[in-house]
Amino acid sequence: MTLNKALAKVLVEINDTANKFDSSIVIRTDNKNIDAKSMLCLTYAVLDSQTFKIEVHGPDEDQAKIAMSRVFWKNNLPVTVI
């Protein structure tokens, strides 16, 4: 699968949102754990996955969980926050 403009925008939005927070944000996909703040890892995760779970730990985790789930749902990516 190639990275089209629409998908690239989604990846940038996920990455930008994650980088606004001090908390650790991990996206668990079908078979990978991905640092949401790493664009390269994020690209492979979204291209190859059908399910997403977000795990957040840190001082601003409540706000990060809300922001990250909004980005995923806005872009029609089913997500569970754990």
PDB file of N, CA and C in Angstrom:
ATOM      1  N   MET A   1       0.845  -1.179   0.000  1.00  0.00           N
ATOM      2  CA  MET A   1       0.000   0.000   0.000  1.00  0.00           C
ATOM      3  C   MET A   1       0.891   1.243   0.000  1.00  0.00           C
ATOM      4  N   THR A   2       0.517   2.226  -0.766  1.00  0.00           N
ATOM      5  CA  THR A   2       1.295   3.453  -0.816  1.00  0.00           C
ATOM      6  C   THR A   2       0.704   4.491   0.140  1.00  0.00           C
ATOM      7  N   LEU A   3       1.524   5.414   0.518  1.00  0.00           N
ATOM      8  CA  LEU A   3       1.120   6.474   1.423  1.00  0.00           C
ATOM      9  C   LEU A   3       0.553   7.622   0.596  1.00  0.00           C
ATOM     10  N   ASN A   4      -0.790   7.768   0.605  1.00  0.00           N
ATOM     11  CA  ASN A   4      -1.392   8.850  -0.164  1.00  0.00           C
ATOM     12  C   ASN A   4      -1.495  10.111   0.699  1.00  0.00           C
ATOM     13  N   LYS A   5      -1.933  11.204   0.094  1.00  0.00           N
ATOM     14  CA  LYS A   5      -1.996  12.487   0.804  1.00  0.00           C
ATOM     15  C   LYS A   5      -2.944  12.448   1.991  1.00  0.00           C
ATOM     16  N   ALA A   6      -4.091  11.807   1.831  1.00  0.00           N
ATOM     17  CA  ALA A   6      -5.074  11.746   2.919  1.00  0.00           C
ATOM     18  C   ALA A   6      -4.502  11.000   4.122  1.00  0.00           C
ATOM     19  N   LEU A   7      -3.851   9.870   3.862  1.00  0.00           N
ATOM     20  CA  LEU A   7      -3.260   9.098   4.949  1.00  0.00           C
ATOM     21  C   LEU A   7      -2.104   9.865   5.579  1.00  0.00           C
ATOM     22  N   ALA A   8      -1.323  10.538   4.779  1.00  0.00           N
ATOM     23  CA  ALA A   8      -0.216  11.333   5.302  1.00  0.00           C
ATOM     24  C   ALA A   8      -0.733  12.406   6.258  1.00  0.00           C
ATOM     25  N   LYS A   9      -1.848  13.044   5.913  1.00  0.00           N
ATOM     26  CA  LYS A   9      -2.434  14.057   6.791  1.00  0.00           C
ATOM     27  C   LYS A   9      -2.868  13.457   8.119  1.00  0.00           C
ATOM     28  N   VAL A  10      -3.452  12.274   8.063  1.00  0.00           N
ATOM     29  CA  VAL A  10      -3.881  11.587   9.283  1.00  0.00           C
ATOM     30  C   VAL A  10      -2.675  11.287  10.176  1.00  0.00           C
ATOM     31  N   LEU A  11      -1.625  10.775   9.578  1.00  0.00           N
ATOM     32  CA  LEU A  11      -0.420  10.446  10.343  1.00  0.00           C
ATOM     33  C   LEU A  11       0.179  11.686  10.997  1.00  0.00           C
ATOM     34  N   VAL A  12       0.229  12.771  10.258  1.00  0.00           N
ATOM     35  CA  VAL A  12       0.766  14.011  10.812  1.00  0.00           C
ATOM     36  C   VAL A  12      -0.115  14.503  11.954  1.00  0.00           C
ATOM     37  N   GLU A  13      -1.420  14.403  11.796  1.00  0.00           N
ATOM     38  CA  GLU A  13      -2.327  14.845  12.850  1.00  0.00           C
ATOM     39  C   GLU A  13      -2.178  14.000  14.112  1.00  0.00           C
ATOM     40  N   ILE A  14      -2.059  12.691  13.958  1.00  0.00           N
ATOM     41  CA  ILE A  14      -1.852  11.808  15.117  1.00  0.00           C
ATOM     42  C   ILE A  14      -0.540  12.160  15.799  1.00  0.00           C
ATOM     43  N   ASN A  15       0.516  12.290  15.011  1.00  0.00           N
ATOM     44  CA  ASN A  15       1.836  12.591  15.549  1.00  0.00           C
ATOM     45  C   ASN A  15       1.880  13.957  16.225  1.00  0.00           C
ATOM     46  N   ASP A  16       1.314  14.975  15.587  1.00  0.00           N
ATOM     47  CA  ASP A  16       1.287  16.314  16.167  1.00  0.00           C
ATOM     48  C   ASP A  16       0.513  16.342  17.478  1.00  0.00           C
ATOM     49  N   THR A  17      -0.608  15.644  17.510  1.00  0.00           N
ATOM     50  CA  THR A  17      -1.411  15.598  18.732  1.00  0.00           C
ATOM     51  C   THR A  17      -0.635  14.917  19.850  1.00  0.00           C
ATOM     52  N   ALA A  18      -0.009  13.800  19.565  1.00  0.00           N
ATOM     53  CA  ALA A  18       0.762  13.071  20.579  1.00  0.00           C
ATOM     54  C   ALA A  18       1.896  13.925  21.135  1.00  0.00           C
ATOM     55  N   ASN A  19       2.541  14.680  20.267  1.00  0.00           N
ATOM     56  CA  ASN A  19       3.689  15.486  20.690  1.00  0.00           C
ATOM     57  C   ASN A  19       3.316  16.716  21.511  1.00  0.00           C
ATOM     58  N   LYS A  20       2.046  16.996  21.654  1.00  0.00           N
ATOM     59  CA  LYS A  20       1.599  18.107  22.504  1.00  0.00           C
ATOM     60  C   LYS A  20       1.618  17.739  23.983  1.00  0.00           C
ATOM     61  N   PHE A  21       1.789  16.462  24.277  1.00  0.00           N
ATOM     62  CA  PHE A  21       1.684  15.989  25.654  1.00  0.00           C
ATOM     63  C   PHE A  21       3.010  15.451  26.175  1.00  0.00           C
ATOM     64  N   ASP A  22       3.178  15.566  27.491  1.00  0.00           N
ATOM     65  CA  ASP A  22       4.373  15.022  28.139  1.00  0.00           C
ATOM     66  C   ASP A  22       4.258  13.517  28.360  1.00  0.00           C
ATOM     67  N   SER A  23       3.047  13.014  28.415  1.00  0.00           N
ATOM     68  CA  SER A  23       2.808  11.601  28.688  1.00  0.00           C
ATOM     69  C   SER A  23       3.360  10.707  27.583  1.00  0.00           C
ATOM     70  N   SER A  24       3.647   9.475  27.946  1.00  0.00           N
ATOM     71  CA  SER A  24       4.014   8.445  26.988  1.00  0.00           C
ATOM     72  C   SER A  24       2.720   7.970  26.314  1.00  0.00           C
ATOM     73  N   ILE A  25       2.715   7.915  24.991  1.00  0.00           N
ATOM     74  CA  ILE A  25       1.530   7.495  24.248  1.00  0.00           C
ATOM     75  C   ILE A  25       1.930   6.347  23.337  1.00  0.00           C
ATOM     76  N   VAL A  26       1.379   5.173  23.620  1.00  0.00           N
ATOM     77  CA  VAL A  26       1.685   3.975  22.846  1.00  0.00           C
ATOM     78  C   VAL A  26       0.418   3.530  22.130  1.00  0.00           C
ATOM     79  N   ILE A  27       0.554   3.242  20.860  1.00  0.00           N
ATOM     80  CA  ILE A  27      -0.552   2.709  20.080  1.00  0.00           C
ATOM     81  C   ILE A  27      -0.279   1.228  19.880  1.00  0.00           C
ATOM     82  N   ARG A  28      -1.208   0.421  20.363  1.00  0.00           N
ATOM     83  CA  ARG A  28      -1.107  -1.029  20.184  1.00  0.00           C
ATOM     84  C   ARG A  28      -1.950  -1.394  18.972  1.00  0.00           C
ATOM     85  N   THR A  29      -1.318  -2.031  18.004  1.00  0.00           N
ATOM     86  CA  THR A  29      -2.019  -2.425  16.795  1.00  0.00           C
ATOM     87  C   THR A  29      -2.212  -3.929  16.805  1.00  0.00           C
ATOM     88  N   ASP A  30      -2.523  -4.478  15.659  1.00  0.00           N
ATOM     89  CA  ASP A  30      -2.771  -5.912  15.554  1.00  0.00           C
ATOM     90  C   ASP A  30      -1.651  -6.736  16.182  1.00  0.00           C
ATOM     91  N   ASN A  31      -0.406  -6.333  15.955  1.00  0.00           N
ATOM     92  CA  ASN A  31       0.703  -7.122  16.500  1.00  0.00           C
ATOM     93  C   ASN A  31       1.922  -6.273  16.850  1.00  0.00           C
ATOM     94  N   LYS A  32       1.722  -4.959  17.029  1.00  0.00           N
ATOM     95  CA  LYS A  32       2.851  -4.077  17.322  1.00  0.00           C
ATOM     96  C   LYS A  32       2.501  -3.088  18.425  1.00  0.00           C
ATOM     97  N   ASN A  33       3.530  -2.603  19.115  1.00  0.00           N
ATOM     98  CA  ASN A  33       3.407  -1.487  20.041  1.00  0.00           C
ATOM     99  C   ASN A  33       4.202  -0.338  19.442  1.00  0.00           C
ATOM    100  N   ILE A  34       3.542   0.792  19.212  1.00  0.00           N
ATOM    101  CA  ILE A  34       4.136   1.899  18.479  1.00  0.00           C
ATOM    102  C   ILE A  34       4.137   3.160  19.324  1.00  0.00           C
ATOM    103  N   ASP A  35       5.248   3.860  19.347  1.00  0.00           N
ATOM    104  CA  ASP A  35       5.329   5.169  19.987  1.00  0.00           C
ATOM    105  C   ASP A  35       4.642   6.175  19.073  1.00  0.00           C
ATOM    106  N   ALA A  36       3.546   6.782  19.551  1.00  0.00           N
ATOM    107  CA  ALA A  36       2.772   7.721  18.726  1.00  0.00           C
ATOM    108  C   ALA A  36       3.564   8.972  18.369  1.00  0.00           C
ATOM    109  N   LYS A  37       4.652   9.206  19.087  1.00  0.00           N
ATOM    110  CA  LYS A  37       5.474  10.384  18.829  1.00  0.00           C
ATOM    111  C   LYS A  37       6.550  10.122  17.777  1.00  0.00           C
ATOM    112  N   SER A  38       6.614   8.890  17.264  1.00  0.00           N
ATOM    113  CA  SER A  38       7.586   8.513  16.239  1.00  0.00           C
ATOM    114  C   SER A  38       6.875   8.382  14.896  1.00  0.00           C
ATOM    115  N   MET A  39       7.111   9.312  14.013  1.00  0.00           N
ATOM    116  CA  MET A  39       6.424   9.324  12.717  1.00  0.00           C
ATOM    117  C   MET A  39       6.720   8.070  11.895  1.00  0.00           C
ATOM    118  N   LEU A  40       7.953   7.614  11.870  1.00  0.00           N
ATOM    119  CA  LEU A  40       8.308   6.445  11.070  1.00  0.00           C
ATOM    120  C   LEU A  40       7.562   5.205  11.560  1.00  0.00           C
ATOM    121  N   CYS A  41       7.594   4.955  12.852  1.00  0.00           N
ATOM    122  CA  CYS A  41       6.890   3.789  13.412  1.00  0.00           C
ATOM    123  C   CYS A  41       5.394   3.910  13.181  1.00  0.00           C
ATOM    124  N   LEU A  42       4.880   5.096  13.336  1.00  0.00           N
ATOM    125  CA  LEU A  42       3.457   5.351  13.163  1.00  0.00           C
ATOM    126  C   LEU A  42       3.007   5.038  11.739  1.00  0.00           C
ATOM    127  N   THR A  43       3.813   5.373  10.770  1.00  0.00           N
ATOM    128  CA  THR A  43       3.478   5.122   9.372  1.00  0.00           C
ATOM    129  C   THR A  43       3.252   3.635   9.127  1.00  0.00           C
ATOM    130  N   TYR A  44       4.170   2.804   9.571  1.00  0.00           N
ATOM    131  CA  TYR A  44       4.024   1.370   9.369  1.00  0.00           C
ATOM    132  C   TYR A  44       2.833   0.809  10.124  1.00  0.00           C
ATOM    133  N   ALA A  45       2.564   1.307  11.309  1.00  0.00           N
ATOM    134  CA  ALA A  45       1.449   0.812  12.119  1.00  0.00           C
ATOM    135  C   ALA A  45       0.121   1.068  11.436  1.00  0.00           C
ATOM    136  N   VAL A  46      -0.082   2.274  10.954  1.00  0.00           N
ATOM    137  CA  VAL A  46      -1.358   2.622  10.347  1.00  0.00           C
ATOM    138  C   VAL A  46      -1.539   1.930   8.991  1.00  0.00           C
ATOM    139  N   LEU A  47      -0.481   1.784   8.240  1.00  0.00           N
ATOM    140  CA  LEU A  47      -0.581   1.115   6.943  1.00  0.00           C
ATOM    141  C   LEU A  47      -0.939  -0.356   7.075  1.00  0.00           C
ATOM    142  N   ASP A  48      -0.462  -1.009   8.127  1.00  0.00           N
ATOM    143  CA  ASP A  48      -0.594  -2.455   8.251  1.00  0.00           C
ATOM    144  C   ASP A  48      -1.665  -2.925   9.228  1.00  0.00           C
ATOM    145  N   SER A  49      -2.424  -2.042   9.845  1.00  0.00           N
ATOM    146  CA  SER A  49      -3.293  -2.451  10.947  1.00  0.00           C
ATOM    147  C   SER A  49      -4.766  -2.156  10.715  1.00  0.00           C
ATOM    148  N   GLN A  50      -5.580  -2.929  11.405  1.00  0.00           N
ATOM    149  CA  GLN A  50      -7.026  -2.752  11.354  1.00  0.00           C
ATOM    150  C   GLN A  50      -7.594  -2.327  12.697  1.00  0.00           C
ATOM    151  N   THR A  51      -6.885  -2.608  13.778  1.00  0.00           N
ATOM    152  CA  THR A  51      -7.358  -2.248  15.116  1.00  0.00           C
ATOM    153  C   THR A  51      -6.303  -1.426  15.834  1.00  0.00           C
ATOM    154  N   PHE A  52      -6.779  -0.523  16.700  1.00  0.00           N
ATOM    155  CA  PHE A  52      -5.876   0.353  17.429  1.00  0.00           C
ATOM    156  C   PHE A  52      -6.330   0.491  18.874  1.00  0.00           C
ATOM    157  N   LYS A  53      -5.374   0.387  19.776  1.00  0.00           N
ATOM    158  CA  LYS A  53      -5.609   0.655  21.190  1.00  0.00           C
ATOM    159  C   LYS A  53      -4.569   1.669  21.625  1.00  0.00           C
ATOM    160  N   ILE A  54      -5.010   2.670  22.371  1.00  0.00           N
ATOM    161  CA  ILE A  54      -4.093   3.702  22.846  1.00  0.00           C
ATOM    162  C   ILE A  54      -3.891   3.522  24.340  1.00  0.00           C
ATOM    163  N   GLU A  55      -2.632   3.505  24.747  1.00  0.00           N
ATOM    164  CA  GLU A  55      -2.271   3.426  26.162  1.00  0.00           C
ATOM    165  C   GLU A  55      -1.445   4.667  26.489  1.00  0.00           C
ATOM    166  N   VAL A  56      -1.878   5.396  27.511  1.00  0.00           N
ATOM    167  CA  VAL A  56      -1.230   6.652  27.871  1.00  0.00           C
ATOM    168  C   VAL A  56      -0.844   6.622  29.345  1.00  0.00           C
ATOM    169  N   HIS A  57       0.386   7.048  29.630  1.00  0.00           N
ATOM    170  CA  HIS A  57       0.872   7.140  31.013  1.00  0.00           C
ATOM    171  C   HIS A  57       1.662   8.427  31.176  1.00  0.00           C
ATOM    172  N   GLY A  58       1.321   9.196  32.188  1.00  0.00           N
ATOM    173  CA  GLY A  58       2.070  10.411  32.455  1.00  0.00           C
ATOM    174  C   GLY A  58       1.237  11.485  33.117  1.00  0.00           C
ATOM    175  N   PRO A  59       1.834  12.644  33.285  1.00  0.00           N
ATOM    176  CA  PRO A  59       1.204  13.715  34.055  1.00  0.00           C
ATOM    177  C   PRO A  59      -0.042  14.316  33.410  1.00  0.00           C
ATOM    178  N   ASP A  60      -0.158  14.220  32.098  1.00  0.00           N
ATOM    179  CA  ASP A  60      -1.320  14.799  31.414  1.00  0.00           C
ATOM    180  C   ASP A  60      -2.096  13.727  30.637  1.00  0.00           C
ATOM    181  N   GLU A  61      -2.111  12.513  31.209  1.00  0.00           N
ATOM    182  CA  GLU A  61      -2.690  11.386  30.483  1.00  0.00           C
ATOM    183  C   GLU A  61      -4.182  11.527  30.207  1.00  0.00           C
ATOM    184  N   ASP A  62      -4.935  12.131  31.116  1.00  0.00           N
ATOM    185  CA  ASP A  62      -6.377  12.266  30.879  1.00  0.00           C
ATOM    186  C   ASP A  62      -6.651  13.132  29.653  1.00  0.00           C
ATOM    187  N   GLN A  63      -5.950  14.253  29.556  1.00  0.00           N
ATOM    188  CA  GLN A  63      -6.126  15.135  28.402  1.00  0.00           C
ATOM    189  C   GLN A  63      -5.624  14.462  27.124  1.00  0.00           C
ATOM    190  N   ALA A  64      -4.519  13.739  27.228  1.00  0.00           N
ATOM    191  CA  ALA A  64      -3.950  13.064  26.055  1.00  0.00           C
ATOM    192  C   ALA A  64      -4.894  11.977  25.536  1.00  0.00           C
ATOM    193  N   LYS A  65      -5.504  11.226  26.442  1.00  0.00           N
ATOM    194  CA  LYS A  65      -6.444  10.178  26.025  1.00  0.00           C
ATOM    195  C   LYS A  65      -7.605  10.776  25.234  1.00  0.00           C
ATOM    196  N   ILE A  66      -8.137  11.875  25.723  1.00  0.00           N
ATOM    197  CA  ILE A  66      -9.264  12.527  25.049  1.00  0.00           C
ATOM    198  C   ILE A  66      -8.836  13.032  23.670  1.00  0.00           C
ATOM    199  N   ALA A  67      -7.721  13.735  23.621  1.00  0.00           N
ATOM    200  CA  ALA A  67      -7.250  14.309  22.354  1.00  0.00           C
ATOM    201  C   ALA A  67      -6.930  13.226  21.324  1.00  0.00           C
ATOM    202  N   MET A  68      -6.255  12.174  21.756  1.00  0.00           N
ATOM    203  CA  MET A  68      -5.881  11.114  20.825  1.00  0.00           C
ATOM    204  C   MET A  68      -7.106  10.361  20.312  1.00  0.00           C
ATOM    205  N   SER A  69      -8.041  10.069  21.184  1.00  0.00           N
ATOM    206  CA  SER A  69      -9.232   9.352  20.721  1.00  0.00           C
ATOM    207  C   SER A  69     -10.018  10.205  19.735  1.00  0.00           C
ATOM    208  N   ARG A  70     -10.066  11.510  19.945  1.00  0.00           N
ATOM    209  CA  ARG A  70     -10.759  12.400  19.005  1.00  0.00           C
ATOM    210  C   ARG A  70     -10.118  12.360  17.621  1.00  0.00           C
ATOM    211  N   VAL A  71      -8.796  12.372  17.587  1.00  0.00           N
ATOM    212  CA  VAL A  71      -8.096  12.334  16.294  1.00  0.00           C
ATOM    213  C   VAL A  71      -8.409  11.034  15.550  1.00  0.00           C
ATOM    214  N   PHE A  72      -8.377   9.919  16.257  1.00  0.00           N
ATOM    215  CA  PHE A  72      -8.646   8.639  15.604  1.00  0.00           C
ATOM    216  C   PHE A  72     -10.077   8.577  15.086  1.00  0.00           C
ATOM    217  N   TRP A  73     -11.041   8.927  15.927  1.00  0.00           N
ATOM    218  CA  TRP A  73     -12.441   8.857  15.502  1.00  0.00           C
ATOM    219  C   TRP A  73     -12.738   9.846  14.383  1.00  0.00           C
ATOM    220  N   LYS A  74     -12.156  11.025  14.454  1.00  0.00           N
ATOM    221  CA  LYS A  74     -12.345  12.031  13.400  1.00  0.00           C
ATOM    222  C   LYS A  74     -11.911  11.496  12.036  1.00  0.00           C
ATOM    223  N   ASN A  75     -10.892  10.653  12.053  1.00  0.00           N
ATOM    224  CA  ASN A  75     -10.344  10.104  10.820  1.00  0.00           C
ATOM    225  C   ASN A  75     -10.832   8.672  10.533  1.00  0.00           C
ATOM    226  N   ASN A  76     -11.922   8.299  11.178  1.00  0.00           N
ATOM    227  CA  ASN A  76     -12.553   6.991  10.957  1.00  0.00           C
ATOM    228  C   ASN A  76     -11.636   5.794  11.214  1.00  0.00           C
ATOM    229  N   LEU A  77     -10.791   5.944  12.226  1.00  0.00           N
ATOM    230  CA  LEU A  77      -9.933   4.833  12.657  1.00  0.00           C
ATOM    231  C   LEU A  77     -10.461   4.349  13.994  1.00  0.00           C
ATOM    232  N   PRO A  78     -11.001   3.133  14.040  1.00  0.00           N
ATOM    233  CA  PRO A  78     -11.569   2.618  15.289  1.00  0.00           C
ATOM    234  C   PRO A  78     -10.484   2.475  16.350  1.00  0.00           C
ATOM    235  N   VAL A  79     -10.761   2.998  17.531  1.00  0.00           N
ATOM    236  CA  VAL A  79      -9.755   2.991  18.591  1.00  0.00           C
ATOM    237  C   VAL A  79     -10.399   2.709  19.938  1.00  0.00           C
ATOM    238  N   THR A  80      -9.633   2.068  20.787  1.00  0.00           N
ATOM    239  CA  THR A  80     -10.001   1.837  22.176  1.00  0.00           C
ATOM    240  C   THR A  80      -8.918   2.466  23.031  1.00  0.00           C
ATOM    241  N   VAL A  81      -9.306   3.198  24.045  1.00  0.00           N
ATOM    242  CA  VAL A  81      -8.329   3.792  24.963  1.00  0.00           C
ATOM    243  C   VAL A  81      -8.278   2.926  26.201  1.00  0.00           C
ATOM    244  N   ILE A  82      -7.062   2.467  26.532  1.00  0.00           N
ATOM    245  CA  ILE A  82      -6.906   1.591  27.708  1.00  0.00           C
ATOM    246  C   ILE A  82      -6.030   2.257  28.753  1.00  0.00           C
TER     247      ILE A  82
END
